[in-house]
Amino acid sequence: MAERRKITDDPVAPKFEPADYDVTIVTYSDYQCPFCRKVHPVLERIAREDGKVRIVYRDWPIFGTASDEAASAAIASQWQGKHAAFNDALMRTDGKLDSGKIRAAANAAGVDWQRLQRDMKERKREIDALIGRTSRQAAEMRLQGTPALLIGPYLIPGAIDDVELGKAVKIAREFEKNRVG
């Protein structure tokens, strides 16, 4: 259980967290992964429509330098309260990322670019440590790539659609209810 909390409750990992959530989805993703981009709107819909799902974002940049830059920027954007908007803008960016596309996504999300640069520099150690923890967790779970979702106690490697995600959340919710009750 303590290991699970290290994944779900990392203080640096950005989160979408309704006050009365009862299921946690941890998403391991890379902003350049086409399958992560397909799963993104599925996660957004379940969060919006269910209302009791918490999402923990574990950036796992595995597609090179631009992925590293995007992950660091996305993590840093949370200190402006802009992670949700920036995450969405990055996931909706077409094609391979580069510094220009990352900045355009930040602008589209209303991120203060100068402040983001400061936060990335001042909090570099925290950001790098989070990405390192995420990479170690992925290795320990033997993940082969992105996306990967932890839904309650269940690991789903690869992309998932609305119907399957809804089923997984329902099963995880029942598991938690029976475990606690």
N, C-alpha and C. Protein backbone atom coordinates (compact mmCIF):
# COMPACT_ATOMS: atom_id res chain seq x y z
N MET A 1 0.82 -1.20 0.00
CA MET A 1 0.00 0.00 0.00
C MET A 1 0.87 1.27 0.00
N ALA A 2 1.97 1.21 0.72
CA ALA A 2 2.86 2.38 0.77
C ALA A 2 3.43 2.67 -0.61
N GLU A 3 3.77 1.61 -1.35
CA GLU A 3 4.30 1.81 -2.71
C GLU A 3 3.24 2.45 -3.60
N ARG A 4 2.00 2.03 -3.45
CA ARG A 4 0.91 2.59 -4.25
C ARG A 4 0.75 4.09 -3.96
N ARG A 5 0.87 4.47 -2.69
CA ARG A 5 0.75 5.90 -2.33
C ARG A 5 1.86 6.72 -2.95
N LYS A 6 3.04 6.13 -3.12
CA LYS A 6 4.14 6.85 -3.77
C LYS A 6 3.77 7.19 -5.21
N ILE A 7 2.95 6.36 -5.82
CA ILE A 7 2.50 6.59 -7.19
C ILE A 7 1.33 7.57 -7.21
N THR A 8 0.34 7.33 -6.37
CA THR A 8 -0.90 8.12 -6.44
C THR A 8 -0.82 9.45 -5.71
N ASP A 9 0.03 9.57 -4.72
CA ASP A 9 0.03 10.76 -3.88
C ASP A 9 1.35 11.53 -3.91
N ASP A 10 2.11 11.38 -4.97
CA ASP A 10 3.36 12.13 -5.11
C ASP A 10 3.03 13.62 -5.04
N PRO A 11 3.64 14.36 -4.14
CA PRO A 11 3.28 15.76 -3.97
C PRO A 11 3.62 16.65 -5.17
N VAL A 12 4.51 16.22 -6.04
CA VAL A 12 4.90 17.04 -7.19
C VAL A 12 4.10 16.70 -8.44
N ALA A 13 3.55 15.50 -8.51
CA ALA A 13 2.79 15.09 -9.70
C ALA A 13 1.51 15.92 -9.83
N PRO A 14 1.28 16.53 -11.00
CA PRO A 14 0.04 17.28 -11.20
C PRO A 14 -1.17 16.36 -11.09
N LYS A 15 -2.27 16.93 -10.60
CA LYS A 15 -3.49 16.14 -10.39
C LYS A 15 -4.73 16.94 -10.77
N PHE A 16 -5.74 16.21 -11.22
CA PHE A 16 -7.10 16.73 -11.30
C PHE A 16 -7.81 16.01 -10.17
N GLU A 17 -8.30 16.76 -9.17
CA GLU A 17 -8.71 16.11 -7.94
C GLU A 17 -10.01 16.69 -7.39
N PRO A 18 -11.15 16.11 -7.78
CA PRO A 18 -12.40 16.56 -7.16
C PRO A 18 -12.39 16.24 -5.66
N ALA A 19 -13.05 17.05 -4.88
CA ALA A 19 -13.02 16.90 -3.42
C ALA A 19 -13.51 15.53 -2.96
N ASP A 20 -14.51 14.98 -3.62
CA ASP A 20 -15.10 13.73 -3.16
C ASP A 20 -14.81 12.56 -4.10
N TYR A 21 -13.60 12.52 -4.67
CA TYR A 21 -13.26 11.44 -5.59
C TYR A 21 -13.26 10.10 -4.86
N ASP A 22 -13.57 9.04 -5.62
CA ASP A 22 -13.53 7.70 -5.04
C ASP A 22 -12.73 6.71 -5.89
N VAL A 23 -12.23 7.15 -7.03
CA VAL A 23 -11.38 6.33 -7.88
C VAL A 23 -10.23 7.20 -8.38
N THR A 24 -9.05 6.62 -8.41
CA THR A 24 -7.88 7.33 -8.94
C THR A 24 -7.40 6.64 -10.20
N ILE A 25 -7.17 7.44 -11.22
CA ILE A 25 -6.53 6.98 -12.45
C ILE A 25 -5.17 7.66 -12.51
N VAL A 26 -4.12 6.85 -12.63
CA VAL A 26 -2.78 7.38 -12.82
C VAL A 26 -2.43 7.14 -14.28
N THR A 27 -2.10 8.21 -15.00
CA THR A 27 -1.78 8.08 -16.41
C THR A 27 -0.29 8.32 -16.65
N TYR A 28 0.35 7.33 -17.24
CA TYR A 28 1.75 7.44 -17.66
C TYR A 28 1.71 7.78 -19.15
N SER A 29 2.24 8.96 -19.50
CA SER A 29 2.11 9.37 -20.89
C SER A 29 3.28 10.23 -21.35
N ASP A 30 3.35 10.38 -22.66
CA ASP A 30 4.34 11.21 -23.33
C ASP A 30 3.57 12.09 -24.30
N TYR A 31 3.87 13.37 -24.33
CA TYR A 31 3.13 14.31 -25.18
C TYR A 31 3.32 14.05 -26.68
N GLN A 32 4.29 13.25 -27.05
CA GLN A 32 4.48 12.94 -28.46
C GLN A 32 3.91 11.58 -28.86
N CYS A 33 3.34 10.88 -27.91
CA CYS A 33 2.78 9.55 -28.17
C CYS A 33 1.39 9.69 -28.81
N PRO A 34 1.22 9.17 -30.03
CA PRO A 34 -0.09 9.30 -30.69
C PRO A 34 -1.21 8.58 -29.94
N PHE A 35 -0.90 7.50 -29.26
CA PHE A 35 -1.93 6.79 -28.51
C PHE A 35 -2.30 7.55 -27.23
N CYS A 36 -1.33 8.24 -26.63
CA CYS A 36 -1.63 9.09 -25.47
C CYS A 36 -2.57 10.21 -25.90
N ARG A 37 -2.33 10.75 -27.08
CA ARG A 37 -3.19 11.82 -27.60
C ARG A 37 -4.61 11.32 -27.83
N LYS A 38 -4.76 10.05 -28.18
CA LYS A 38 -6.11 9.48 -28.37
C LYS A 38 -6.79 9.22 -27.03
N VAL A 39 -6.02 8.85 -26.02
CA VAL A 39 -6.59 8.56 -24.70
C VAL A 39 -6.95 9.86 -23.96
N HIS A 40 -6.25 10.93 -24.26
CA HIS A 40 -6.47 12.20 -23.55
C HIS A 40 -7.94 12.62 -23.51
N PRO A 41 -8.66 12.71 -24.64
CA PRO A 41 -10.07 13.13 -24.55
C PRO A 41 -10.94 12.11 -23.81
N VAL A 42 -10.56 10.85 -23.82
CA VAL A 42 -11.30 9.82 -23.09
C VAL A 42 -11.17 10.09 -21.58
N LEU A 43 -9.96 10.40 -21.14
CA LEU A 43 -9.75 10.74 -19.72
C LEU A 43 -10.50 12.01 -19.35
N GLU A 44 -10.45 13.01 -20.22
CA GLU A 44 -11.15 14.26 -19.94
C GLU A 44 -12.66 14.03 -19.79
N ARG A 45 -13.21 13.21 -20.69
CA ARG A 45 -14.66 12.95 -20.62
C ARG A 45 -15.04 12.25 -19.33
N ILE A 46 -14.28 11.22 -18.94
CA ILE A 46 -14.66 10.50 -17.71
C ILE A 46 -14.54 11.41 -16.50
N ALA A 47 -13.53 12.25 -16.47
CA ALA A 47 -13.37 13.18 -15.35
C ALA A 47 -14.56 14.14 -15.29
N ARG A 48 -14.94 14.65 -16.44
CA ARG A 48 -16.04 15.62 -16.51
C ARG A 48 -17.39 14.96 -16.21
N GLU A 49 -17.65 13.80 -16.81
CA GLU A 49 -18.97 13.18 -16.71
C GLU A 49 -19.17 12.38 -15.43
N ASP A 50 -18.12 11.76 -14.92
CA ASP A 50 -18.24 10.95 -13.71
C ASP A 50 -18.26 11.83 -12.47
N GLY A 51 -17.34 12.79 -12.41
CA GLY A 51 -17.30 13.72 -11.29
C GLY A 51 -16.63 13.21 -10.02
N LYS A 52 -16.29 11.92 -9.96
CA LYS A 52 -15.67 11.35 -8.76
C LYS A 52 -14.37 10.63 -9.09
N VAL A 53 -13.76 11.03 -10.21
CA VAL A 53 -12.52 10.41 -10.65
C VAL A 53 -11.39 11.42 -10.51
N ARG A 54 -10.34 11.00 -9.82
CA ARG A 54 -9.12 11.79 -9.70
C ARG A 54 -8.15 11.28 -10.75
N ILE A 55 -7.44 12.20 -11.40
CA ILE A 55 -6.42 11.81 -12.37
C ILE A 55 -5.08 12.34 -11.89
N VAL A 56 -4.11 11.45 -11.83
CA VAL A 56 -2.74 11.79 -11.47
C VAL A 56 -1.91 11.67 -12.75
N TYR A 57 -1.24 12.76 -13.12
CA TYR A 57 -0.47 12.81 -14.35
C TYR A 57 0.99 12.48 -14.07
N ARG A 58 1.46 11.36 -14.62
CA ARG A 58 2.85 10.96 -14.48
C ARG A 58 3.49 11.07 -15.87
N ASP A 59 4.17 12.17 -16.08
CA ASP A 59 4.85 12.39 -17.36
C ASP A 59 6.03 11.42 -17.45
N TRP A 60 6.02 10.64 -18.52
CA TRP A 60 7.08 9.67 -18.77
C TRP A 60 7.62 9.94 -20.17
N PRO A 61 8.53 10.92 -20.28
CA PRO A 61 9.02 11.33 -21.60
C PRO A 61 10.00 10.31 -22.20
N ILE A 62 9.49 9.53 -23.15
CA ILE A 62 10.30 8.45 -23.72
C ILE A 62 10.62 8.67 -25.20
N PHE A 63 10.14 9.78 -25.76
CA PHE A 63 10.34 10.03 -27.19
C PHE A 63 11.33 11.16 -27.46
N GLY A 64 12.31 11.34 -26.60
CA GLY A 64 13.40 12.26 -26.90
C GLY A 64 13.33 13.63 -26.25
N THR A 65 14.18 14.51 -26.74
CA THR A 65 14.40 15.82 -26.15
C THR A 65 13.14 16.67 -26.05
N ALA A 66 12.35 16.70 -27.12
CA ALA A 66 11.12 17.50 -27.09
C ALA A 66 10.14 16.96 -26.05
N SER A 67 10.11 15.65 -25.88
CA SER A 67 9.26 15.05 -24.85
C SER A 67 9.73 15.47 -23.46
N ASP A 68 11.05 15.48 -23.25
CA ASP A 68 11.60 15.94 -21.97
C ASP A 68 11.20 17.39 -21.70
N GLU A 69 11.36 18.24 -22.71
CA GLU A 69 11.02 19.66 -22.56
C GLU A 69 9.54 19.85 -22.27
N ALA A 70 8.69 19.14 -23.00
CA ALA A 70 7.24 19.26 -22.79
C ALA A 70 6.83 18.78 -21.41
N ALA A 71 7.40 17.66 -20.97
CA ALA A 71 7.07 17.13 -19.64
C ALA A 71 7.47 18.11 -18.55
N SER A 72 8.68 18.63 -18.62
CA SER A 72 9.14 19.59 -17.61
C SER A 72 8.27 20.84 -17.59
N ALA A 73 7.94 21.34 -18.77
CA ALA A 73 7.09 22.54 -18.85
C ALA A 73 5.70 22.26 -18.30
N ALA A 74 5.14 21.12 -18.65
CA ALA A 74 3.79 20.78 -18.17
C ALA A 74 3.77 20.66 -16.65
N ILE A 75 4.76 19.99 -16.09
CA ILE A 75 4.83 19.86 -14.63
C ILE A 75 4.96 21.25 -13.99
N ALA A 76 5.82 22.08 -14.54
CA ALA A 76 6.03 23.42 -13.98
C ALA A 76 4.80 24.31 -14.10
N SER A 77 3.97 24.07 -15.10
CA SER A 77 2.78 24.92 -15.29
C SER A 77 1.78 24.81 -14.15
N GLN A 78 1.87 23.73 -13.35
CA GLN A 78 0.93 23.58 -12.24
C GLN A 78 1.09 24.68 -11.21
N TRP A 79 2.30 25.26 -11.10
CA TRP A 79 2.52 26.31 -10.11
C TRP A 79 1.91 27.63 -10.54
N GLN A 80 1.38 27.67 -11.75
CA GLN A 80 0.57 28.81 -12.20
C GLN A 80 -0.91 28.44 -12.21
N GLY A 81 -1.23 27.21 -11.83
CA GLY A 81 -2.61 26.74 -11.91
C GLY A 81 -3.05 26.51 -13.34
N LYS A 82 -2.10 26.21 -14.22
CA LYS A 82 -2.40 26.08 -15.65
C LYS A 82 -2.17 24.68 -16.20
N HIS A 83 -1.93 23.70 -15.33
CA HIS A 83 -1.60 22.37 -15.85
C HIS A 83 -2.70 21.80 -16.73
N ALA A 84 -3.95 21.86 -16.30
CA ALA A 84 -5.03 21.26 -17.10
C ALA A 84 -5.09 21.85 -18.50
N ALA A 85 -5.03 23.17 -18.59
CA ALA A 85 -5.10 23.82 -19.90
C ALA A 85 -3.86 23.53 -20.75
N PHE A 86 -2.69 23.54 -20.12
CA PHE A 86 -1.45 23.30 -20.87
C PHE A 86 -1.36 21.84 -21.30
N ASN A 87 -1.72 20.91 -20.41
CA ASN A 87 -1.75 19.50 -20.75
C ASN A 87 -2.66 19.28 -21.96
N ASP A 88 -3.84 19.89 -21.92
CA ASP A 88 -4.80 19.76 -23.03
C ASP A 88 -4.21 20.32 -24.33
N ALA A 89 -3.60 21.50 -24.26
CA ALA A 89 -3.03 22.11 -25.46
C ALA A 89 -1.89 21.26 -26.03
N LEU A 90 -1.05 20.71 -25.16
CA LEU A 90 0.04 19.85 -25.65
C LEU A 90 -0.51 18.57 -26.28
N MET A 91 -1.50 17.97 -25.66
CA MET A 91 -2.07 16.73 -26.19
C MET A 91 -2.79 16.97 -27.52
N ARG A 92 -3.25 18.17 -27.75
CA ARG A 92 -3.95 18.48 -29.00
C ARG A 92 -3.02 19.02 -30.09
N THR A 93 -1.75 19.12 -29.80
CA THR A 93 -0.77 19.60 -30.77
C THR A 93 -0.50 18.50 -31.80
N ASP A 94 -0.58 18.84 -33.07
CA ASP A 94 -0.34 17.87 -34.13
C ASP A 94 1.15 17.66 -34.38
N GLY A 95 1.50 16.44 -34.74
CA GLY A 95 2.85 16.13 -35.18
C GLY A 95 3.88 16.12 -34.07
N LYS A 96 5.13 16.06 -34.50
CA LYS A 96 6.25 16.05 -33.56
C LYS A 96 6.35 17.39 -32.85
N LEU A 97 6.66 17.35 -31.59
CA LEU A 97 6.84 18.57 -30.82
C LEU A 97 8.23 19.15 -31.05
N ASP A 98 8.32 20.45 -30.88
CA ASP A 98 9.59 21.17 -30.82
C ASP A 98 9.37 22.34 -29.88
N SER A 99 10.41 23.10 -29.62
CA SER A 99 10.29 24.21 -28.66
C SER A 99 9.22 25.21 -29.08
N GLY A 100 9.12 25.49 -30.37
CA GLY A 100 8.12 26.43 -30.86
C GLY A 100 6.69 25.95 -30.61
N LYS A 101 6.43 24.67 -30.85
CA LYS A 101 5.09 24.12 -30.62
C LYS A 101 4.77 24.08 -29.13
N ILE A 102 5.77 23.81 -28.32
CA ILE A 102 5.55 23.79 -26.87
C ILE A 102 5.19 25.19 -26.39
N ARG A 103 5.90 26.20 -26.89
CA ARG A 103 5.60 27.58 -26.51
C ARG A 103 4.22 27.99 -27.02
N ALA A 104 3.87 27.58 -28.23
CA ALA A 104 2.54 27.90 -28.78
C ALA A 104 1.44 27.27 -27.92
N ALA A 105 1.67 26.04 -27.46
CA ALA A 105 0.69 25.38 -26.59
C ALA A 105 0.58 26.13 -25.26
N ALA A 106 1.71 26.59 -24.73
CA ALA A 106 1.70 27.36 -23.48
C ALA A 106 0.91 28.65 -23.68
N ASN A 107 1.14 29.33 -24.78
CA ASN A 107 0.40 30.57 -25.07
C ASN A 107 -1.09 30.29 -25.19
N ALA A 108 -1.45 29.22 -25.90
CA ALA A 108 -2.86 28.87 -26.07
C ALA A 108 -3.52 28.56 -24.73
N ALA A 109 -2.74 28.05 -23.79
CA ALA A 109 -3.26 27.69 -22.47
C ALA A 109 -3.24 28.86 -21.48
N GLY A 110 -2.72 30.00 -21.90
CA GLY A 110 -2.65 31.15 -21.01
C GLY A 110 -1.53 31.08 -20.00
N VAL A 111 -0.51 30.31 -20.30
CA VAL A 111 0.64 30.18 -19.40
C VAL A 111 1.54 31.41 -19.55
N ASP A 112 1.97 31.97 -18.45
CA ASP A 112 2.94 33.07 -18.44
C ASP A 112 4.30 32.45 -18.74
N TRP A 113 4.80 32.67 -19.95
CA TRP A 113 6.02 32.00 -20.42
C TRP A 113 7.24 32.34 -19.56
N GLN A 114 7.39 33.62 -19.20
CA GLN A 114 8.55 34.02 -18.39
C GLN A 114 8.51 33.35 -17.02
N ARG A 115 7.35 33.34 -16.42
CA ARG A 115 7.21 32.67 -15.12
C ARG A 115 7.47 31.17 -15.26
N LEU A 116 6.97 30.56 -16.34
CA LEU A 116 7.20 29.14 -16.57
C LEU A 116 8.70 28.85 -16.64
N GLN A 117 9.43 29.69 -17.35
CA GLN A 117 10.88 29.49 -17.46
C GLN A 117 11.55 29.59 -16.09
N ARG A 118 11.10 30.56 -15.28
CA ARG A 118 11.64 30.70 -13.92
C ARG A 118 11.33 29.46 -13.08
N ASP A 119 10.05 29.03 -13.14
CA ASP A 119 9.65 27.85 -12.35
C ASP A 119 10.42 26.61 -12.79
N MET A 120 10.63 26.46 -14.09
CA MET A 120 11.39 25.31 -14.59
C MET A 120 12.83 25.34 -14.08
N LYS A 121 13.39 26.52 -14.00
CA LYS A 121 14.77 26.65 -13.53
C LYS A 121 14.85 26.47 -12.01
N GLU A 122 13.98 27.20 -11.28
CA GLU A 122 14.02 27.16 -9.82
C GLU A 122 13.59 25.81 -9.25
N ARG A 123 12.73 25.11 -9.95
CA ARG A 123 12.21 23.83 -9.46
C ARG A 123 12.74 22.64 -10.26
N LYS A 124 13.83 22.87 -10.97
CA LYS A 124 14.41 21.82 -11.83
C LYS A 124 14.66 20.54 -11.05
N ARG A 125 15.22 20.65 -9.88
CA ARG A 125 15.53 19.46 -9.08
C ARG A 125 14.25 18.68 -8.76
N GLU A 126 13.18 19.37 -8.35
CA GLU A 126 11.90 18.72 -8.05
C GLU A 126 11.31 18.05 -9.28
N ILE A 127 11.33 18.79 -10.41
CA ILE A 127 10.76 18.27 -11.66
C ILE A 127 11.54 17.05 -12.13
N ASP A 128 12.85 17.16 -12.16
CA ASP A 128 13.69 16.03 -12.60
C ASP A 128 13.52 14.82 -11.67
N ALA A 129 13.39 15.07 -10.38
CA ALA A 129 13.20 13.97 -9.44
C ALA A 129 11.87 13.27 -9.69
N LEU A 130 10.82 14.04 -9.96
CA LEU A 130 9.51 13.45 -10.27
C LEU A 130 9.60 12.59 -11.52
N ILE A 131 10.21 13.11 -12.57
CA ILE A 131 10.33 12.34 -13.81
C ILE A 131 11.16 11.07 -13.55
N GLY A 132 12.19 11.19 -12.74
CA GLY A 132 12.99 10.02 -12.38
C GLY A 132 12.17 8.98 -11.62
N ARG A 133 11.36 9.43 -10.66
CA ARG A 133 10.50 8.50 -9.91
C ARG A 133 9.52 7.81 -10.85
N THR A 134 8.96 8.58 -11.77
CA THR A 134 8.00 8.03 -12.72
C THR A 134 8.66 6.98 -13.60
N SER A 135 9.86 7.26 -14.07
CA SER A 135 10.59 6.30 -14.91
C SER A 135 10.90 5.02 -14.15
N ARG A 136 11.29 5.16 -12.88
CA ARG A 136 11.56 3.97 -12.06
C ARG A 136 10.29 3.15 -11.85
N GLN A 137 9.18 3.84 -11.58
CA GLN A 137 7.91 3.12 -11.40
C GLN A 137 7.54 2.36 -12.67
N ALA A 138 7.68 3.02 -13.81
CA ALA A 138 7.36 2.38 -15.09
C ALA A 138 8.21 1.13 -15.29
N ALA A 139 9.49 1.24 -14.95
CA ALA A 139 10.38 0.08 -15.08
C ALA A 139 9.97 -1.03 -14.12
N GLU A 140 9.64 -0.67 -12.88
CA GLU A 140 9.22 -1.67 -11.89
C GLU A 140 7.94 -2.38 -12.32
N MET A 141 7.05 -1.66 -13.00
CA MET A 141 5.81 -2.26 -13.49
C MET A 141 6.00 -2.96 -14.83
N ARG A 142 7.23 -2.86 -15.35
CA ARG A 142 7.58 -3.46 -16.64
C ARG A 142 6.74 -2.91 -17.79
N LEU A 143 6.48 -1.61 -17.71
CA LEU A 143 5.74 -0.98 -18.80
C LEU A 143 6.61 -0.97 -20.05
N GLN A 144 5.99 -1.22 -21.19
CA GLN A 144 6.71 -1.28 -22.46
C GLN A 144 6.62 0.04 -23.22
N GLY A 145 5.73 0.92 -22.80
CA GLY A 145 5.57 2.20 -23.48
C GLY A 145 4.36 2.93 -22.94
N THR A 146 4.03 4.00 -23.62
CA THR A 146 2.89 4.83 -23.24
C THR A 146 1.77 4.63 -24.25
N PRO A 147 0.54 4.89 -23.83
CA PRO A 147 0.09 5.20 -22.48
C PRO A 147 -0.01 3.95 -21.62
N ALA A 148 -0.08 4.16 -20.34
CA ALA A 148 -0.40 3.11 -19.38
C ALA A 148 -1.24 3.77 -18.29
N LEU A 149 -2.26 3.07 -17.86
CA LEU A 149 -3.17 3.62 -16.85
C LEU A 149 -3.25 2.67 -15.67
N LEU A 150 -3.13 3.23 -14.48
CA LEU A 150 -3.45 2.51 -13.26
C LEU A 150 -4.83 3.02 -12.85
N ILE A 151 -5.78 2.11 -12.79
CA ILE A 151 -7.15 2.49 -12.42
C ILE A 151 -7.48 1.68 -11.18
N GLY A 152 -7.49 2.39 -10.04
CA GLY A 152 -7.60 1.66 -8.78
C GLY A 152 -6.42 0.70 -8.71
N PRO A 153 -6.67 -0.59 -8.46
CA PRO A 153 -5.57 -1.54 -8.35
C PRO A 153 -5.17 -2.19 -9.69
N TYR A 154 -5.79 -1.76 -10.79
CA TYR A 154 -5.59 -2.43 -12.07
C TYR A 154 -4.69 -1.63 -13.01
N LEU A 155 -3.82 -2.34 -13.72
CA LEU A 155 -2.92 -1.75 -14.70
C LEU A 155 -3.43 -2.06 -16.10
N ILE A 156 -3.60 -1.01 -16.89
CA ILE A 156 -4.01 -1.18 -18.28
C ILE A 156 -2.93 -0.57 -19.16
N PRO A 157 -2.11 -1.43 -19.78
CA PRO A 157 -1.10 -0.90 -20.71
C PRO A 157 -1.74 -0.64 -22.06
N GLY A 158 -1.44 0.50 -22.64
CA GLY A 158 -1.98 0.82 -23.96
C GLY A 158 -3.22 1.68 -23.91
N ALA A 159 -3.70 2.01 -25.09
CA ALA A 159 -4.86 2.90 -25.23
C ALA A 159 -6.15 2.19 -24.81
N ILE A 160 -7.12 2.99 -24.44
CA ILE A 160 -8.41 2.48 -23.99
C ILE A 160 -9.48 3.45 -24.49
N ASP A 161 -10.66 2.92 -24.79
CA ASP A 161 -11.74 3.79 -25.28
C ASP A 161 -12.70 4.12 -24.14
N ASP A 162 -13.71 4.94 -24.44
CA ASP A 162 -14.68 5.39 -23.43
C ASP A 162 -15.38 4.23 -22.73
N VAL A 163 -15.85 3.26 -23.50
CA VAL A 163 -16.60 2.15 -22.93
C VAL A 163 -15.73 1.33 -21.98
N GLU A 164 -14.55 0.98 -22.43
CA GLU A 164 -13.65 0.18 -21.60
C GLU A 164 -13.18 0.95 -20.36
N LEU A 165 -12.91 2.25 -20.52
CA LEU A 165 -12.51 3.05 -19.36
C LEU A 165 -13.64 3.12 -18.35
N GLY A 166 -14.85 3.32 -18.82
CA GLY A 166 -16.01 3.34 -17.93
C GLY A 166 -16.16 2.04 -17.15
N LYS A 167 -15.96 0.92 -17.85
CA LYS A 167 -16.03 -0.39 -17.19
C LYS A 167 -14.93 -0.53 -16.14
N ALA A 168 -13.72 -0.11 -16.49
CA ALA A 168 -12.59 -0.22 -15.56
C ALA A 168 -12.82 0.63 -14.32
N VAL A 169 -13.34 1.83 -14.49
CA VAL A 169 -13.63 2.69 -13.34
C VAL A 169 -14.70 2.06 -12.46
N LYS A 170 -15.72 1.49 -13.07
CA LYS A 170 -16.78 0.84 -12.30
C LYS A 170 -16.22 -0.33 -11.49
N ILE A 171 -15.38 -1.15 -12.11
CA ILE A 171 -14.78 -2.30 -11.42
C ILE A 171 -13.87 -1.82 -10.29
N ALA A 172 -13.06 -0.79 -10.55
CA ALA A 172 -12.18 -0.25 -9.51
C ALA A 172 -12.98 0.33 -8.36
N ARG A 173 -14.07 1.00 -8.67
CA ARG A 173 -14.93 1.58 -7.63
C ARG A 173 -15.51 0.47 -6.74
N GLU A 174 -15.98 -0.60 -7.36
CA GLU A 174 -16.53 -1.73 -6.61
C GLU A 174 -15.44 -2.36 -5.74
N PHE A 175 -14.24 -2.51 -6.29
CA PHE A 175 -13.12 -3.07 -5.54
C PHE A 175 -12.86 -2.23 -4.30
N GLU A 176 -12.77 -0.91 -4.49
CA GLU A 176 -12.49 0.00 -3.35
C GLU A 176 -13.61 -0.07 -2.31
N LYS A 177 -14.85 -0.09 -2.77
CA LYS A 177 -16.00 -0.15 -1.86
C LYS A 177 -15.95 -1.43 -1.02
N ASN A 178 -15.65 -2.56 -1.65
CA ASN A 178 -15.60 -3.84 -0.95
C ASN A 178 -14.38 -3.94 -0.04
N ARG A 179 -13.27 -3.32 -0.45
CA ARG A 179 -12.05 -3.35 0.34
C ARG A 179 -12.22 -2.53 1.61
N VAL A 180 -12.84 -1.37 1.48
CA VAL A 180 -13.03 -0.46 2.61
C VAL A 180 -14.20 -0.91 3.47
N GLY A 181 -15.31 -1.29 2.82
CA GLY A 181 -16.53 -1.63 3.55
C GLY A 181 -16.53 -3.04 3.94
